[in-house]
Amino acid sequence: MSNETRRILLVEDEKAIRDAVAGFLERDNYWVTAVGDGQEALEEFGRHHFDLVVLDLMLPRVPGENVCRAIRDNSDVPIIMLTAKGDVGDRIIGLELGADDYLVKPFSPRELVARVRALLRRAHVDSEPQREVLEFGELTIDVSGHKVLVNGEEVDLTASEFKLLTTLSRYPGHVYTRMELVEKVLGYDFEGYERTIDSHVKNLRAKIGDNPRNPKWLHTVHGVGYRFEDPTKQQG
C-alpha cells in the first residue's frame, strides 16, 4: 500500500503546528485531513476512513481525551497523541485511553513522520503471511489474522497492544526489558519511554482478563521488565 492511499486525520488547534505537521506528512505523500478542534475531528472521522490519527490532547469544543475515547470505542485505528504537558503521569493519559503512542511538545515534525511510518508498518501488512496461530489455554492469538480470543470471544486490541502480546508470547519464559519492548513494539529506542510499555501492559491485562496479582500469561519481572508464560506447560 503506497503512502498516497494512506489517509491521516490531523487534529491540532494551533494553526502553525497544524500547518507544519500537515506539510511534512504531505511531502511524505500521505493524504492529510487537518482540523482544529475535537468536534470537527469526530465529524471527519465519522465521514471518512482514516489509516491513522494524530490527536492533540488539549482541544477546544471537545477535549482530546474524549475524542480518543470515542474513536477507540469504534475503531482500532492507530492513534498518536500530542501533548504539551511535561509530567510523565500526564503523558500516559492518552495511552491509557487507547492511544498507541505520544509526543510531547515541542517536537520535531520529522520525528512525528517517523512515528507515523512505524505505526502504519505495524498496522498494515502488505504481504500475505503464513498462517500463525498461538494457543495458550483460554488465550488464542491468531497472528496472521490479527485476532485475539479469550474463551472463544474476540478481544479488541490496539496495534501496539497486539504487537506487544505477540512479541512476548512467541518466546514464553523469555524476559524482555522495557527498553527492548519499546524498540520491538514501538519501532524506536528513546530513553524515557519505558512507562509507555507499562501502560500498554496494563491495558492488555485488563482486556484479556489477566489479573496482575495472580497472572496467567503476563508476568512482571520487577526491576527488569516482563515475560510471557504458557499456563498449559506449567500445569503439565
Protein backbone atom coordinates (compact mmCIF):
# COMPACT_ATOMS: atom_id res chain seq x y z
CA MET A 1 0.00 0.00 0.00
CA SER A 2 1.55 3.32 -1.06
CA ASN A 3 1.57 6.44 1.10
CA GLU A 4 -0.78 8.14 -1.37
CA THR A 5 -3.57 5.79 -0.28
CA ARG A 6 -2.93 6.29 3.44
CA ARG A 7 -5.31 8.83 4.97
CA ILE A 8 -4.30 10.64 8.15
CA LEU A 9 -6.57 12.72 10.37
CA LEU A 10 -4.54 15.51 12.00
CA VAL A 11 -6.23 17.22 14.95
CA GLU A 12 -4.34 20.25 16.30
CA ASP A 13 -5.73 23.61 17.40
CA GLU A 14 -2.52 25.60 16.91
CA LYS A 15 -2.53 26.59 13.23
CA ALA A 16 1.27 26.97 12.95
CA ILE A 17 1.84 23.44 14.27
CA ARG A 18 -1.05 22.04 12.24
CA ASP A 19 0.26 23.54 9.01
CA ALA A 20 3.86 22.46 9.66
CA VAL A 21 2.92 18.85 10.51
CA ALA A 22 0.49 18.60 7.59
CA GLY A 23 3.22 19.88 5.26
CA PHE A 24 5.72 17.25 6.41
CA LEU A 25 3.16 14.45 6.11
CA GLU A 26 2.04 15.59 2.66
CA ARG A 27 5.67 15.75 1.50
CA ASP A 28 5.86 12.10 2.56
CA ASN A 29 2.87 11.52 0.22
CA TYR A 30 0.17 10.96 2.87
CA TRP A 31 -3.36 12.23 2.29
CA VAL A 32 -3.95 14.57 5.25
CA THR A 33 -7.21 15.96 6.62
CA ALA A 34 -6.30 18.68 9.15
CA VAL A 35 -8.83 20.09 11.64
CA GLY A 36 -8.59 22.47 14.59
CA ASP A 37 -10.99 21.17 17.26
CA GLY A 38 -12.43 18.00 18.74
CA GLN A 39 -15.91 18.34 17.28
CA GLU A 40 -14.54 18.69 13.74
CA ALA A 41 -12.35 15.65 14.38
CA LEU A 42 -15.31 13.45 15.35
CA GLU A 43 -17.31 14.66 12.35
CA GLU A 44 -14.49 13.94 9.92
CA PHE A 45 -13.77 10.54 11.49
CA GLY A 46 -17.43 9.58 11.10
CA ARG A 47 -17.44 10.77 7.48
CA HIS A 48 -14.26 9.13 6.11
CA HIS A 49 -11.96 6.15 6.58
CA PHE A 50 -8.59 7.02 8.11
CA ASP A 51 -5.50 4.83 8.50
CA LEU A 52 -4.05 6.84 11.41
CA VAL A 53 -5.00 9.74 13.71
CA VAL A 54 -2.61 12.38 15.09
CA LEU A 55 -4.52 13.89 18.02
CA ASP A 56 -3.70 16.86 20.27
CA LEU A 57 -4.67 16.36 23.91
CA MET A 58 -5.69 19.98 24.54
CA LEU A 59 -8.52 20.88 22.12
CA PRO A 60 -11.42 23.36 22.04
CA ARG A 61 -15.08 22.21 22.00
CA VAL A 62 -14.37 18.50 22.61
CA PRO A 63 -11.20 17.63 24.62
CA GLY A 64 -8.65 15.28 23.11
CA GLU A 65 -9.30 12.64 25.79
CA ASN A 66 -12.97 12.47 24.76
CA VAL A 67 -12.09 12.31 21.06
CA CYS A 68 -9.62 9.49 21.71
CA ARG A 69 -12.18 7.55 23.74
CA ALA A 70 -14.88 7.98 21.09
CA ILE A 71 -12.56 6.87 18.28
CA ARG A 72 -11.27 3.89 20.24
CA ASP A 73 -14.82 2.77 21.10
CA ASN A 74 -15.50 2.36 17.37
CA SER A 75 -12.14 1.60 15.76
CA ASP A 76 -8.66 0.16 16.32
CA VAL A 77 -7.08 2.81 14.05
CA PRO A 78 -3.57 3.76 15.29
CA ILE A 79 -3.56 6.99 17.33
CA ILE A 80 -0.57 9.24 18.11
CA MET A 81 -1.37 11.65 20.93
CA LEU A 82 0.23 15.10 21.11
CA THR A 83 0.54 16.80 24.49
CA ALA A 84 2.12 19.98 25.85
CA LYS A 85 2.26 18.54 29.35
CA GLY A 86 5.70 17.57 30.62
CA ASP A 87 4.81 15.37 33.57
CA VAL A 88 5.20 11.64 32.87
CA GLY A 89 1.87 10.90 34.54
CA ASP A 90 0.08 13.34 32.25
CA ARG A 91 1.85 12.00 29.20
CA ILE A 92 0.44 8.49 29.61
CA ILE A 93 -3.19 9.62 29.89
CA GLY A 94 -3.65 9.14 26.17
CA LEU A 95 -2.09 5.69 26.25
CA GLU A 96 -4.47 4.58 28.96
CA LEU A 97 -7.36 5.81 26.80
CA GLY A 98 -6.14 3.59 23.96
CA ALA A 99 -3.63 5.73 22.05
CA ASP A 100 -0.69 3.81 20.59
CA ASP A 101 1.99 6.45 21.00
CA TYR A 102 2.56 10.03 22.18
CA LEU A 103 4.81 13.01 21.52
CA VAL A 104 5.46 15.90 23.89
CA LYS A 105 5.55 19.45 22.50
CA PRO A 106 7.76 20.91 21.25
CA PHE A 107 8.57 18.03 18.91
CA SER A 108 10.27 17.57 15.57
CA PRO A 109 7.82 17.09 12.68
CA ARG A 110 10.38 14.68 11.21
CA GLU A 111 10.17 12.55 14.35
CA LEU A 112 6.38 12.57 14.08
CA VAL A 113 6.58 11.37 10.47
CA ALA A 114 8.94 8.57 11.59
CA ARG A 115 6.44 7.52 14.27
CA VAL A 116 3.64 7.58 11.69
CA ARG A 117 5.64 5.32 9.38
CA ALA A 118 6.42 2.89 12.21
CA LEU A 119 2.78 2.64 13.33
CA LEU A 120 1.48 2.16 9.79
CA ARG A 121 4.06 -0.55 9.11
CA ARG A 122 2.74 -2.48 12.09
CA ALA A 123 -0.93 -1.85 11.37
CA HIS A 124 -0.90 -2.68 7.64
CA VAL A 125 0.81 -5.82 6.36
CA ASP A 126 1.28 -5.72 2.59
CA SER A 127 2.42 -9.30 2.04
CA GLU A 128 0.29 -12.36 2.75
CA PRO A 129 1.79 -14.02 5.84
CA GLN A 130 1.76 -17.73 6.55
CA ARG A 131 -0.93 -18.81 8.96
CA GLU A 132 0.34 -18.46 12.52
CA VAL A 133 -1.89 -19.24 15.49
CA LEU A 134 -0.56 -19.40 19.07
CA GLU A 135 -2.65 -21.14 21.75
CA PHE A 136 -2.17 -20.85 25.50
CA GLY A 137 -5.18 -22.39 27.24
CA GLU A 138 -8.10 -19.95 27.08
CA LEU A 139 -5.96 -17.47 25.11
CA THR A 140 -5.67 -17.81 21.33
CA ILE A 141 -3.52 -15.42 19.28
CA ASP A 142 -4.19 -15.55 15.54
CA VAL A 143 -1.09 -13.68 14.42
CA SER A 144 -1.73 -13.77 10.67
CA GLY A 145 -5.43 -12.94 11.17
CA HIS A 146 -4.55 -10.17 13.66
CA LYS A 147 -7.11 -11.52 16.15
CA VAL A 148 -7.00 -12.41 19.85
CA LEU A 149 -9.63 -14.59 21.50
CA VAL A 150 -10.20 -15.36 25.18
CA ASN A 151 -12.51 -18.33 25.79
CA GLY A 152 -13.57 -18.09 22.14
CA GLU A 153 -14.58 -14.42 22.40
CA GLU A 154 -12.65 -11.91 20.27
CA VAL A 155 -10.87 -9.13 22.15
CA ASP A 156 -10.31 -5.69 20.57
CA LEU A 157 -6.66 -4.64 20.86
CA THR A 158 -4.84 -1.61 19.53
CA ALA A 159 -1.98 -2.18 17.06
CA SER A 160 0.59 -1.62 19.83
CA GLU A 161 -1.15 -3.95 22.28
CA PHE A 162 -1.34 -6.69 19.65
CA LYS A 163 2.35 -6.27 18.76
CA LEU A 164 3.31 -6.37 22.45
CA LEU A 165 1.32 -9.56 23.07
CA THR A 166 2.71 -11.36 20.01
CA THR A 167 6.27 -10.27 20.81
CA LEU A 168 6.08 -11.66 24.35
CA SER A 169 4.08 -14.80 23.54
CA ARG A 170 6.35 -16.05 20.76
CA TYR A 171 9.03 -16.81 23.38
CA PRO A 172 7.34 -17.97 26.62
CA GLY A 173 9.63 -17.65 29.62
CA HIS A 174 11.92 -15.10 27.97
CA VAL A 175 12.34 -11.88 29.98
CA TYR A 176 12.24 -8.67 27.93
CA THR A 177 13.42 -5.39 29.42
CA ARG A 178 11.13 -2.39 28.97
CA MET A 179 13.58 -0.77 26.57
CA GLU A 180 13.74 -3.94 24.44
CA LEU A 181 9.96 -3.87 24.22
CA VAL A 182 9.93 -0.16 23.35
CA GLU A 183 12.24 -0.91 20.42
CA LYS A 184 10.42 -4.07 19.27
CA VAL A 185 6.86 -2.82 19.77
CA LEU A 186 7.10 0.89 19.02
CA GLY A 187 9.90 0.71 16.46
CA TYR A 188 12.35 3.15 18.06
CA ASP A 189 14.62 3.37 21.07
CA PHE A 190 14.42 6.55 23.13
CA GLU A 191 15.16 6.91 26.82
CA GLY A 192 12.18 7.83 28.97
CA TYR A 193 9.57 5.77 27.11
CA GLU A 194 9.63 2.71 29.40
CA ARG A 195 6.39 3.89 31.03
CA THR A 196 4.75 3.56 27.61
CA ILE A 197 5.19 -0.21 27.84
CA ASP A 198 3.78 -0.28 31.40
CA SER A 199 0.67 1.47 30.12
CA HIS A 200 0.21 -0.98 27.24
CA VAL A 201 0.68 -3.96 29.59
CA LYS A 202 -1.91 -2.54 31.99
CA ASN A 203 -4.45 -2.11 29.16
CA LEU A 204 -3.63 -5.52 27.71
CA ARG A 205 -4.11 -7.29 31.05
CA ALA A 206 -7.49 -5.62 31.51
CA LYS A 207 -8.66 -6.65 28.04
CA ILE A 208 -7.61 -10.32 28.21
CA GLY A 209 -8.64 -10.73 31.85
CA ASP A 210 -5.16 -11.36 33.26
CA ASN A 211 -5.06 -10.50 36.96
CA PRO A 212 -1.75 -8.69 37.68
CA ARG A 213 -1.77 -10.06 41.24
CA ASN A 214 -2.04 -13.65 40.01
CA PRO A 215 -1.28 -13.59 36.27
CA LYS A 216 -1.79 -16.48 33.89
CA TRP A 217 0.17 -15.05 30.99
CA LEU A 218 1.75 -11.60 31.51
CA HIS A 219 4.24 -11.64 34.37
CA THR A 220 6.12 -8.64 35.74
CA VAL A 221 9.82 -9.15 36.42
CA HIS A 222 10.42 -6.41 38.98
CA GLY A 223 13.22 -4.04 38.15
CA VAL A 224 13.63 -5.57 34.68
CA GLY A 225 10.52 -5.89 32.51
CA TYR A 226 8.04 -8.59 31.50
CA ARG A 227 7.80 -12.21 30.44
CA PHE A 228 5.00 -14.35 28.99
CA GLU A 229 4.18 -17.78 30.47
CA ASP A 230 2.22 -20.65 28.96
CA PRO A 231 -0.08 -21.92 31.76
CA THR A 232 -0.65 -25.24 29.96
CA LYS A 233 3.07 -26.03 30.17
CA GLN A 234 3.16 -25.07 33.85
CA GLN A 235 0.30 -27.44 34.59
CA GLY A 236 1.96 -30.18 32.62
